Amino acid sequence: MADGGGRWLWGRGMTGEVRDIWFRSTLSLAEITRRLGLQDVTADSENYWEWVIGTLGDVTLDITRTHTRRRWQVDTVIFLTGDEGNHREFSDVLIADIVGRLHSFVRGSVLCGRSEN
């Protein structure tokens, strides 16, 4: 599936339901979070991963990536988290909202799907 700009895509090795949104960015996770408009944000990191968790309306998003390489070399992944569990399916409305917000600052592709790895 692609928007008019051709940047909303289904990636290879993914199923039809959307549980993850991938993109690459040189921005810090804090700046990505700010530009997406997340509220009630917490951030943390460990040896390999860094992540922020915040709310967008009535959903809680986890934005994560590795921090062992340069930001533009790794995928940043957004998924739903919270009391209902991780990696739940995004609604079409929420996908459109998040992808629309990402397109305002992500130069490359935004991939939507569910990894089967």
Protein backbone atom coordinates (compact mmCIF):
# COMPACT_ATOMS: atom_id res chain seq x y z
CA MET A 1 0.00 0.00 0.00
CA ALA A 2 1.44 3.43 -0.86
CA ASP A 3 0.32 6.99 -0.46
CA GLY A 4 0.58 9.52 -3.26
CA GLY A 5 4.26 10.10 -2.45
CA GLY A 6 5.01 6.39 -2.64
CA ARG A 7 6.46 6.31 0.84
CA TRP A 8 3.85 4.27 2.73
CA LEU A 9 4.79 0.75 1.77
CA TRP A 10 4.41 -2.85 2.79
CA GLY A 11 7.83 -4.35 3.32
CA ARG A 12 9.07 -7.74 2.22
CA GLY A 13 8.62 -10.49 4.80
CA MET A 14 5.59 -8.80 6.35
CA THR A 15 1.99 -9.87 6.71
CA GLY A 16 -1.10 -7.81 5.88
CA GLU A 17 -1.85 -6.70 9.43
CA VAL A 18 0.07 -3.67 10.66
CA ARG A 19 1.77 -4.11 14.01
CA ASP A 20 4.98 -2.16 13.30
CA ILE A 21 5.92 1.04 11.46
CA TRP A 22 9.56 1.38 10.31
CA PHE A 23 11.55 4.33 9.04
CA ARG A 24 15.04 5.80 9.17
CA SER A 25 15.90 9.20 10.57
CA THR A 26 18.94 11.16 11.69
CA LEU A 27 16.83 12.74 14.45
CA SER A 28 17.15 11.73 18.10
CA LEU A 29 14.29 9.71 19.56
CA ALA A 30 13.46 12.69 21.76
CA GLU A 31 13.06 14.89 18.67
CA ILE A 32 11.01 12.25 16.84
CA THR A 33 8.76 11.99 19.89
CA ARG A 34 8.35 15.78 20.01
CA ARG A 35 7.52 16.01 16.31
CA LEU A 36 4.96 13.20 16.57
CA GLY A 37 3.32 15.05 19.45
CA LEU A 38 3.60 12.31 22.07
CA GLN A 39 2.72 13.16 25.68
CA ASP A 40 3.70 11.64 29.04
CA VAL A 41 7.03 10.49 27.58
CA THR A 42 9.59 8.27 29.28
CA ALA A 43 12.94 7.28 27.79
CA ASP A 44 15.55 4.66 28.52
CA SER A 45 18.37 2.69 26.93
CA GLU A 46 20.59 -0.30 27.47
CA ASN A 47 23.72 -1.62 25.77
CA TYR A 48 22.01 -2.18 22.41
CA TRP A 49 18.53 -0.58 22.37
CA GLU A 50 17.21 2.89 23.08
CA TRP A 51 13.51 3.68 23.33
CA VAL A 52 10.86 6.22 24.25
CA ILE A 53 7.32 5.46 25.32
CA GLY A 54 4.56 8.05 25.16
CA THR A 55 0.89 8.56 24.49
CA LEU A 56 -0.77 9.77 21.32
CA GLY A 57 -4.42 10.33 22.10
CA ASP A 58 -5.65 7.20 23.86
CA VAL A 59 -2.86 4.84 22.72
CA THR A 60 0.64 4.24 24.04
CA LEU A 61 3.45 4.02 21.49
CA ASP A 62 6.94 2.57 21.89
CA ILE A 63 9.56 4.04 19.55
CA THR A 64 12.78 2.07 19.54
CA ARG A 65 16.03 1.46 17.66
CA THR A 66 19.54 0.25 18.24
CA HIS A 67 22.13 2.82 19.23
CA THR A 68 25.23 0.85 18.30
CA ARG A 69 25.40 2.41 14.80
CA ARG A 70 24.66 5.81 13.31
CA ARG A 71 20.97 6.78 13.45
CA TRP A 72 20.50 6.87 9.67
CA GLN A 73 21.91 3.32 9.36
CA VAL A 74 19.25 1.61 11.49
CA ASP A 75 15.48 1.29 11.41
CA THR A 76 13.43 3.15 13.96
CA VAL A 77 10.34 1.11 14.86
CA ILE A 78 7.02 2.27 16.29
CA PHE A 79 4.65 -0.22 17.90
CA LEU A 80 1.68 -0.18 20.25
CA THR A 81 2.38 -1.04 23.87
CA GLY A 82 0.53 -0.86 27.17
CA ASP A 83 -1.62 -2.95 29.47
CA GLU A 84 -3.15 -4.76 26.48
CA GLY A 85 0.29 -6.07 25.40
CA ASN A 86 2.96 -5.20 22.85
CA HIS A 87 2.80 -5.21 19.05
CA ARG A 88 -0.98 -5.06 18.79
CA GLU A 89 -2.55 -4.25 15.43
CA PHE A 90 -2.82 -0.57 14.45
CA SER A 91 -6.18 0.72 13.22
CA ASP A 92 -6.29 2.21 9.71
CA VAL A 93 -7.06 5.63 11.22
CA LEU A 94 -4.05 5.45 13.55
CA ILE A 95 -1.75 4.30 10.73
CA ALA A 96 -2.84 7.24 8.58
CA ASP A 97 -2.32 9.66 11.48
CA ILE A 98 1.16 8.41 12.39
CA VAL A 99 2.35 8.07 8.78
CA GLY A 100 1.04 11.55 8.00
CA ARG A 101 2.96 12.98 10.95
CA LEU A 102 6.11 11.06 9.95
CA HIS A 103 5.96 12.36 6.37
CA SER A 104 6.42 15.89 7.70
CA PHE A 105 10.00 15.05 8.74
CA VAL A 106 11.03 11.60 7.40
CA ARG A 107 12.70 11.87 4.00
CA GLY A 108 12.71 8.20 3.05
CA SER A 109 10.23 5.34 3.08
CA VAL A 110 7.84 4.59 5.89
CA LEU A 111 7.12 0.85 6.03
CA CYS A 112 3.99 -0.57 7.65
CA GLY A 113 3.43 -4.23 8.40
CA ARG A 114 4.36 -6.99 10.78
CA SER A 115 7.71 -8.68 10.78
CA GLU A 116 7.59 -12.46 10.68
CA ASN A 117 11.19 -12.81 11.90
